[in-house]
């Protein structure tokens, strides 16, 4: 997954009815909000989940990791 110093890990708690695709989209938005404005989130990977209690029924905590690409990093270089 690239340079380990740029890899971050986090969790997100969602209703158990959310699909993995919905969880991934929400995790991507959360990750992007936590990095610098010019940084890019790449290679987000859902790593597993576990049920947790919640106010509105059963919720699930998902673990995920992602790489932060700084401005001008390899994933940002798309010019021909």
PDB file of N, CA and C in Angstrom:
ATOM      1  N   UNK A   1       0.824  -1.188   0.000  1.00  0.00           N
ATOM      2  CA  UNK A   1       0.000   0.000   0.000  1.00  0.00           C
ATOM      3  C   UNK A   1       0.867   1.251   0.000  1.00  0.00           C
ATOM      4  N   UNK A   2       2.052   1.226  -0.473  1.00  0.00           N
ATOM      5  CA  UNK A   2       2.848   2.433  -0.579  1.00  0.00           C
ATOM      6  C   UNK A   2       3.650   2.702   0.672  1.00  0.00           C
ATOM      7  N   UNK A   3       4.140   3.920   0.813  1.00  0.00           N
ATOM      8  CA  UNK A   3       4.962   4.355   1.926  1.00  0.00           C
ATOM      9  C   UNK A   3       4.182   4.232   3.230  1.00  0.00           C
ATOM     10  N   UNK A   4       4.702   3.410   4.143  1.00  0.00           N
ATOM     11  CA  UNK A   4       3.990   3.147   5.396  1.00  0.00           C
ATOM     12  C   UNK A   4       3.792   4.407   6.228  1.00  0.00           C
ATOM     13  N   UNK A   5       4.663   5.410   6.068  1.00  0.00           N
ATOM     14  CA  UNK A   5       4.508   6.633   6.852  1.00  0.00           C
ATOM     15  C   UNK A   5       3.273   7.423   6.428  1.00  0.00           C
ATOM     16  N   UNK A   6       2.763   7.149   5.246  1.00  0.00           N
ATOM     17  CA  UNK A   6       1.575   7.847   4.757  1.00  0.00           C
ATOM     18  C   UNK A   6       0.309   7.018   4.909  1.00  0.00           C
ATOM     19  N   UNK A   7       0.403   5.854   5.548  1.00  0.00           N
ATOM     20  CA  UNK A   7      -0.761   4.990   5.732  1.00  0.00           C
ATOM     21  C   UNK A   7      -1.395   5.303   7.079  1.00  0.00           C
ATOM     22  N   UNK A   8      -2.689   5.525   7.057  1.00  0.00           N
ATOM     23  CA  UNK A   8      -3.431   5.819   8.286  1.00  0.00           C
ATOM     24  C   UNK A   8      -4.505   4.761   8.496  1.00  0.00           C
ATOM     25  N   UNK A   9      -4.901   4.607   9.753  1.00  0.00           N
ATOM     26  CA  UNK A   9      -5.926   3.640  10.140  1.00  0.00           C
ATOM     27  C   UNK A   9      -6.992   4.379  10.938  1.00  0.00           C
ATOM     28  N   UNK A  10      -8.240   3.969  10.759  1.00  0.00           N
ATOM     29  CA  UNK A  10      -9.333   4.628  11.474  1.00  0.00           C
ATOM     30  C   UNK A  10     -10.498   3.653  11.580  1.00  0.00           C
ATOM     31  N   UNK A  11     -11.536   4.079  12.281  1.00  0.00           N
ATOM     32  CA  UNK A  11     -12.768   3.294  12.389  1.00  0.00           C
ATOM     33  C   UNK A  11     -13.949   4.208  12.119  1.00  0.00           C
ATOM     34  N   UNK A  12     -15.056   3.572  11.770  1.00  0.00           N
ATOM     35  CA  UNK A  12     -16.299   4.307  11.547  1.00  0.00           C
ATOM     36  C   UNK A  12     -17.445   3.413  12.016  1.00  0.00           C
ATOM     37  N   UNK A  13     -18.415   3.989  12.708  1.00  0.00           N
ATOM     38  CA  UNK A  13     -19.573   3.236  13.202  1.00  0.00           C
ATOM     39  C   UNK A  13     -20.780   3.614  12.358  1.00  0.00           C
ATOM     40  N   UNK A  14     -21.445   2.587  11.828  1.00  0.00           N
ATOM     41  CA  UNK A  14     -22.576   2.795  10.925  1.00  0.00           C
ATOM     42  C   UNK A  14     -23.700   1.828  11.285  1.00  0.00           C
ATOM     43  N   UNK A  15     -24.929   2.103  10.829  1.00  0.00           N
ATOM     44  CA  UNK A  15     -26.022   1.145  11.028  1.00  0.00           C
ATOM     45  C   UNK A  15     -25.701  -0.179  10.326  1.00  0.00           C
ATOM     46  N   UNK A  16     -26.152  -1.282  10.911  1.00  0.00           N
ATOM     47  CA  UNK A  16     -25.851  -2.594  10.335  1.00  0.00           C
ATOM     48  C   UNK A  16     -26.474  -2.787   8.953  1.00  0.00           C
ATOM     49  N   UNK A  17     -27.428  -1.947   8.590  1.00  0.00           N
ATOM     50  CA  UNK A  17     -28.097  -2.089   7.294  1.00  0.00           C
ATOM     51  C   UNK A  17     -27.285  -1.517   6.135  1.00  0.00           C
ATOM     52  N   UNK A  18     -26.200  -0.801   6.427  1.00  0.00           N
ATOM     53  CA  UNK A  18     -25.392  -0.223   5.345  1.00  0.00           C
ATOM     54  C   UNK A  18     -24.578  -1.308   4.649  1.00  0.00           C
ATOM     55  N   UNK A  19     -24.525  -1.227   3.330  1.00  0.00           N
ATOM     56  CA  UNK A  19     -23.728  -2.173   2.549  1.00  0.00           C
ATOM     57  C   UNK A  19     -22.252  -1.790   2.635  1.00  0.00           C
ATOM     58  N   UNK A  20     -21.345  -2.729   2.347  1.00  0.00           N
ATOM     59  CA  UNK A  20     -19.919  -2.385   2.319  1.00  0.00           C
ATOM     60  C   UNK A  20     -19.599  -1.235   1.361  1.00  0.00           C
ATOM     61  N   UNK A  21     -20.296  -1.151   0.245  1.00  0.00           N
ATOM     62  CA  UNK A  21     -20.059  -0.054  -0.702  1.00  0.00           C
ATOM     63  C   UNK A  21     -20.435   1.289  -0.074  1.00  0.00           C
ATOM     64  N   UNK A  22     -21.539   1.323   0.678  1.00  0.00           N
ATOM     65  CA  UNK A  22     -21.945   2.554   1.355  1.00  0.00           C
ATOM     66  C   UNK A  22     -20.957   2.914   2.465  1.00  0.00           C
ATOM     67  N   UNK A  23     -20.492   1.900   3.186  1.00  0.00           N
ATOM     68  CA  UNK A  23     -19.514   2.130   4.254  1.00  0.00           C
ATOM     69  C   UNK A  23     -18.228   2.694   3.659  1.00  0.00           C
ATOM     70  N   UNK A  24     -17.788   2.122   2.547  1.00  0.00           N
ATOM     71  CA  UNK A  24     -16.561   2.579   1.892  1.00  0.00           C
ATOM     72  C   UNK A  24     -16.689   4.050   1.472  1.00  0.00           C
ATOM     73  N   UNK A  25     -17.823   4.415   0.879  1.00  0.00           N
ATOM     74  CA  UNK A  25     -18.031   5.800   0.443  1.00  0.00           C
ATOM     75  C   UNK A  25     -18.008   6.752   1.639  1.00  0.00           C
ATOM     76  N   UNK A  26     -18.645   6.357   2.731  1.00  0.00           N
ATOM     77  CA  UNK A  26     -18.661   7.191   3.930  1.00  0.00           C
ATOM     78  C   UNK A  26     -17.259   7.295   4.538  1.00  0.00           C
ATOM     79  N   UNK A  27     -16.532   6.185   4.567  1.00  0.00           N
ATOM     80  CA  UNK A  27     -15.165   6.188   5.096  1.00  0.00           C
ATOM     81  C   UNK A  27     -14.257   7.075   4.249  1.00  0.00           C
ATOM     82  N   UNK A  28     -14.442   7.056   2.927  1.00  0.00           N
ATOM     83  CA  UNK A  28     -13.643   7.921   2.051  1.00  0.00           C
ATOM     84  C   UNK A  28     -13.902   9.394   2.361  1.00  0.00           C
ATOM     85  N   UNK A  29     -15.162   9.746   2.580  1.00  0.00           N
ATOM     86  CA  UNK A  29     -15.484  11.138   2.918  1.00  0.00           C
ATOM     87  C   UNK A  29     -14.879  11.528   4.273  1.00  0.00           C
ATOM     88  N   UNK A  30     -14.973  10.620   5.247  1.00  0.00           N
ATOM     89  CA  UNK A  30     -14.404  10.902   6.568  1.00  0.00           C
ATOM     90  C   UNK A  30     -12.888  11.056   6.472  1.00  0.00           C
ATOM     91  N   UNK A  31     -12.246  10.165   5.737  1.00  0.00           N
ATOM     92  CA  UNK A  31     -10.790  10.230   5.587  1.00  0.00           C
ATOM     93  C   UNK A  31     -10.369  11.525   4.909  1.00  0.00           C
ATOM     94  N   UNK A  32     -11.059  11.908   3.847  1.00  0.00           N
ATOM     95  CA  UNK A  32     -10.700  13.127   3.125  1.00  0.00           C
ATOM     96  C   UNK A  32     -10.856  14.352   4.021  1.00  0.00           C
ATOM     97  N   UNK A  33     -11.853  14.323   4.907  1.00  0.00           N
ATOM     98  CA  UNK A  33     -12.062  15.444   5.825  1.00  0.00           C
ATOM     99  C   UNK A  33     -10.941  15.543   6.862  1.00  0.00           C
ATOM    100  N   UNK A  34     -10.224  14.441   7.100  1.00  0.00           N
ATOM    101  CA  UNK A  34      -9.180  14.428   8.126  1.00  0.00           C
ATOM    102  C   UNK A  34      -7.793  14.741   7.581  1.00  0.00           C
ATOM    103  N   UNK A  35      -7.627  14.801   6.268  1.00  0.00           N
ATOM    104  CA  UNK A  35      -6.316  15.120   5.699  1.00  0.00           C
ATOM    105  C   UNK A  35      -6.305  16.574   5.240  1.00  0.00           C
ATOM    106  N   UNK A  36      -5.149  17.069   4.883  1.00  0.00           N
ATOM    107  CA  UNK A  36      -5.032  18.448   4.424  1.00  0.00           C
ATOM    108  C   UNK A  36      -5.844  18.696   3.169  1.00  0.00           C
ATOM    109  N   UNK A  37      -6.185  19.959   2.953  1.00  0.00           N
ATOM    110  CA  UNK A  37      -7.010  20.328   1.801  1.00  0.00           C
ATOM    111  C   UNK A  37      -6.388  19.909   0.478  1.00  0.00           C
ATOM    112  N   UNK A  38      -5.063  19.942   0.391  1.00  0.00           N
ATOM    113  CA  UNK A  38      -4.394  19.603  -0.862  1.00  0.00           C
ATOM    114  C   UNK A  38      -4.017  18.131  -0.950  1.00  0.00           C
ATOM    115  N   UNK A  39      -4.130  17.393   0.152  1.00  0.00           N
ATOM    116  CA  UNK A  39      -3.790  15.973   0.149  1.00  0.00           C
ATOM    117  C   UNK A  39      -4.926  15.154  -0.446  1.00  0.00           C
ATOM    118  N   UNK A  40      -4.582  13.972  -0.927  1.00  0.00           N
ATOM    119  CA  UNK A  40      -5.572  13.098  -1.539  1.00  0.00           C
ATOM    120  C   UNK A  40      -5.578  11.755  -0.807  1.00  0.00           C
ATOM    121  N   UNK A  41      -6.755  11.196  -0.608  1.00  0.00           N
ATOM    122  CA  UNK A  41      -6.902   9.873  -0.012  1.00  0.00           C
ATOM    123  C   UNK A  41      -6.898   8.847  -1.139  1.00  0.00           C
ATOM    124  N   UNK A  42      -6.091   7.801  -0.976  1.00  0.00           N
ATOM    125  CA  UNK A  42      -6.011   6.762  -2.003  1.00  0.00           C
ATOM    126  C   UNK A  42      -5.961   5.389  -1.341  1.00  0.00           C
ATOM    127  N   UNK A  43      -6.330   4.387  -2.091  1.00  0.00           N
ATOM    128  CA  UNK A  43      -6.204   2.985  -1.680  1.00  0.00           C
ATOM    129  C   UNK A  43      -6.908   2.686  -0.363  1.00  0.00           C
ATOM    130  N   UNK A  44      -8.128   3.204  -0.187  1.00  0.00           N
ATOM    131  CA  UNK A  44      -8.876   2.922   1.032  1.00  0.00           C
ATOM    132  C   UNK A  44      -9.284   1.454   1.030  1.00  0.00           C
ATOM    133  N   UNK A  45      -9.051   0.788   2.157  1.00  0.00           N
ATOM    134  CA  UNK A  45      -9.334  -0.642   2.270  1.00  0.00           C
ATOM    135  C   UNK A  45     -10.110  -0.905   3.555  1.00  0.00           C
ATOM    136  N   UNK A  46     -11.308  -1.467   3.425  1.00  0.00           N
ATOM    137  CA  UNK A  46     -12.074  -1.891   4.604  1.00  0.00           C
ATOM    138  C   UNK A  46     -11.395  -3.133   5.160  1.00  0.00           C
ATOM    139  N   UNK A  47     -11.089  -3.135   6.449  1.00  0.00           N
ATOM    140  CA  UNK A  47     -10.293  -4.203   7.030  1.00  0.00           C
ATOM    141  C   UNK A  47     -11.100  -5.162   7.901  1.00  0.00           C
ATOM    142  N   UNK A  48     -12.350  -4.889   8.141  1.00  0.00           N
ATOM    143  CA  UNK A  48     -13.151  -5.785   8.954  1.00  0.00           C
ATOM    144  C   UNK A  48     -14.142  -5.009   9.793  1.00  0.00           C
ATOM    145  N   UNK A  49     -15.081  -5.738  10.372  1.00  0.00           N
ATOM    146  CA  UNK A  49     -16.119  -5.079  11.155  1.00  0.00           C
ATOM    147  C   UNK A  49     -16.479  -5.929  12.358  1.00  0.00           C
ATOM    148  N   UNK A  50     -17.133  -5.267  13.319  1.00  0.00           N
ATOM    149  CA  UNK A  50     -17.647  -5.976  14.492  1.00  0.00           C
ATOM    150  C   UNK A  50     -18.895  -5.260  14.967  1.00  0.00           C
ATOM    151  N   UNK A  51     -19.867  -6.003  15.472  1.00  0.00           N
ATOM    152  CA  UNK A  51     -21.089  -5.366  15.969  1.00  0.00           C
ATOM    153  C   UNK A  51     -20.799  -4.592  17.256  1.00  0.00           C
ATOM    154  N   UNK A  52     -21.448  -3.455  17.379  1.00  0.00           N
ATOM    155  CA  UNK A  52     -21.359  -2.647  18.600  1.00  0.00           C
ATOM    156  C   UNK A  52     -22.761  -2.176  18.939  1.00  0.00           C
ATOM    157  N   UNK A  53     -23.000  -1.844  20.184  1.00  0.00           N
ATOM    158  CA  UNK A  53     -24.310  -1.337  20.577  1.00  0.00           C
ATOM    159  C   UNK A  53     -24.533   0.052  20.017  1.00  0.00           C
ATOM    160  N   UNK A  54     -25.777   0.419  19.892  1.00  0.00           N
ATOM    161  CA  UNK A  54     -26.089   1.746  19.388  1.00  0.00           C
ATOM    162  C   UNK A  54     -27.428   2.217  19.904  1.00  0.00           C
ATOM    163  N   UNK A  55     -27.666   3.511  19.804  1.00  0.00           N
ATOM    164  CA  UNK A  55     -28.928   4.082  20.267  1.00  0.00           C
ATOM    165  C   UNK A  55     -30.110   3.583  19.454  1.00  0.00           C
ATOM    166  N   UNK A  56     -29.902   3.418  18.163  1.00  0.00           N
ATOM    167  CA  UNK A  56     -31.009   3.099  17.253  1.00  0.00           C
ATOM    168  C   UNK A  56     -30.919   1.665  16.749  1.00  0.00           C
ATOM    169  N   UNK A  57     -30.624   0.735  17.631  1.00  0.00           N
ATOM    170  CA  UNK A  57     -30.495  -0.647  17.206  1.00  0.00           C
ATOM    171  C   UNK A  57     -29.037  -1.021  17.045  1.00  0.00           C
ATOM    172  N   UNK A  58     -28.821  -2.092  16.354  1.00  0.00           N
ATOM    173  CA  UNK A  58     -27.466  -2.601  16.209  1.00  0.00           C
ATOM    174  C   UNK A  58     -26.675  -1.779  15.206  1.00  0.00           C
ATOM    175  N   UNK A  59     -25.461  -1.444  15.591  1.00  0.00           N
ATOM    176  CA  UNK A  59     -24.550  -0.733  14.703  1.00  0.00           C
ATOM    177  C   UNK A  59     -23.290  -1.571  14.538  1.00  0.00           C
ATOM    178  N   UNK A  60     -22.519  -1.231  13.517  1.00  0.00           N
ATOM    179  CA  UNK A  60     -21.316  -1.982  13.196  1.00  0.00           C
ATOM    180  C   UNK A  60     -20.141  -1.014  13.139  1.00  0.00           C
ATOM    181  N   UNK A  61     -19.036  -1.408  13.764  1.00  0.00           N
ATOM    182  CA  UNK A  61     -17.808  -0.622  13.672  1.00  0.00           C
ATOM    183  C   UNK A  61     -16.906  -1.260  12.617  1.00  0.00           C
ATOM    184  N   UNK A  62     -16.563  -0.485  11.599  1.00  0.00           N
ATOM    185  CA  UNK A  62     -15.663  -0.938  10.535  1.00  0.00           C
ATOM    186  C   UNK A  62     -14.282  -0.337  10.764  1.00  0.00           C
ATOM    187  N   UNK A  63     -13.248  -1.148  10.573  1.00  0.00           N
ATOM    188  CA  UNK A  63     -11.871  -0.663  10.567  1.00  0.00           C
ATOM    189  C   UNK A  63     -11.467  -0.468   9.114  1.00  0.00           C
ATOM    190  N   UNK A  64     -10.688   0.563   8.850  1.00  0.00           N
ATOM    191  CA  UNK A  64     -10.208   0.775   7.491  1.00  0.00           C
ATOM    192  C   UNK A  64      -8.850   1.453   7.518  1.00  0.00           C
ATOM    193  N   UNK A  65      -8.151   1.336   6.413  1.00  0.00           N
ATOM    194  CA  UNK A  65      -6.867   2.010   6.261  1.00  0.00           C
ATOM    195  C   UNK A  65      -6.850   2.692   4.903  1.00  0.00           C
ATOM    196  N   UNK A  66      -5.997   3.699   4.795  1.00  0.00           N
ATOM    197  CA  UNK A  66      -5.886   4.432   3.539  1.00  0.00           C
ATOM    198  C   UNK A  66      -4.523   5.100   3.474  1.00  0.00           C
ATOM    199  N   UNK A  67      -4.129   5.448   2.268  1.00  0.00           N
ATOM    200  CA  UNK A  67      -2.865   6.143   2.064  1.00  0.00           C
ATOM    201  C   UNK A  67      -3.148   7.605   1.775  1.00  0.00           C
ATOM    202  N   UNK A  68      -2.333   8.482   2.343  1.00  0.00           N
ATOM    203  CA  UNK A  68      -2.439   9.917   2.088  1.00  0.00           C
ATOM    204  C   UNK A  68      -1.383  10.283   1.052  1.00  0.00           C
ATOM    205  N   UNK A  69      -1.828  10.858  -0.061  1.00  0.00           N
ATOM    206  CA  UNK A  69      -0.929  11.290  -1.125  1.00  0.00           C
ATOM    207  C   UNK A  69      -0.791  12.811  -1.026  1.00  0.00           C
ATOM    208  N   UNK A  70       0.416  13.314  -0.759  1.00  0.00           N
ATOM    209  CA  UNK A  70       0.598  14.766  -0.684  1.00  0.00           C
ATOM    210  C   UNK A  70       0.512  15.408  -2.063  1.00  0.00           C
ATOM    211  N   UNK A  71       0.346  16.720  -2.118  1.00  0.00           N
ATOM    212  CA  UNK A  71       0.294  17.400  -3.421  1.00  0.00           C
ATOM    213  C   UNK A  71       1.546  17.072  -4.236  1.00  0.00           C
ATOM    214  N   UNK A  72       1.340  16.764  -5.508  1.00  0.00           N
ATOM    215  CA  UNK A  72       2.464  16.420  -6.373  1.00  0.00           C
ATOM    216  C   UNK A  72       2.960  15.007  -6.191  1.00  0.00           C
ATOM    217  N   UNK A  73       2.262  14.212  -5.358  1.00  0.00           N
ATOM    218  CA  UNK A  73       2.656  12.826  -5.135  1.00  0.00           C
ATOM    219  C   UNK A  73       2.389  11.980  -6.362  1.00  0.00           C
ATOM    220  N   UNK A  74       2.794  10.713  -6.346  1.00  0.00           N
ATOM    221  CA  UNK A  74       2.687   9.852  -7.531  1.00  0.00           C
ATOM    222  C   UNK A  74       1.275   9.684  -8.070  1.00  0.00           C
ATOM    223  N   UNK A  75       0.269   9.602  -7.197  1.00  0.00           N
ATOM    224  CA  UNK A  75      -1.102   9.413  -7.682  1.00  0.00           C
ATOM    225  C   UNK A  75      -1.669  10.696  -8.274  1.00  0.00           C
ATOM    226  N   UNK A  76      -1.082  11.843  -7.916  1.00  0.00           N
ATOM    227  CA  UNK A  76      -1.583  13.120  -8.422  1.00  0.00           C
ATOM    228  C   UNK A  76      -1.010  13.452  -9.793  1.00  0.00           C
ATOM    229  N   UNK A  77       0.033  12.736 -10.215  1.00  0.00           N
ATOM    230  CA  UNK A  77       0.701  13.019 -11.489  1.00  0.00           C
ATOM    231  C   UNK A  77      -0.023  12.302 -12.615  1.00  0.00           C
ATOM    232  N   UNK A  78      -1.012  12.963 -13.200  1.00  0.00           N
ATOM    233  CA  UNK A  78      -1.809  12.345 -14.264  1.00  0.00           C
ATOM    234  C   UNK A  78      -1.596  13.027 -15.598  1.00  0.00           C
ATOM    235  N   UNK A  79      -0.706  14.019 -15.659  1.00  0.00           N
ATOM    236  CA  UNK A  79      -0.459  14.734 -16.928  1.00  0.00           C
ATOM    237  C   UNK A  79       0.338  13.854 -17.881  1.00  0.00           C
ATOM    238  N   UNK A  80       0.052  13.980 -19.166  1.00  0.00           N
ATOM    239  CA  UNK A  80       0.801  13.214 -20.172  1.00  0.00           C
ATOM    240  C   UNK A  80       1.966  14.007 -20.685  1.00  0.00           C
TER     241      UNK A  80
END
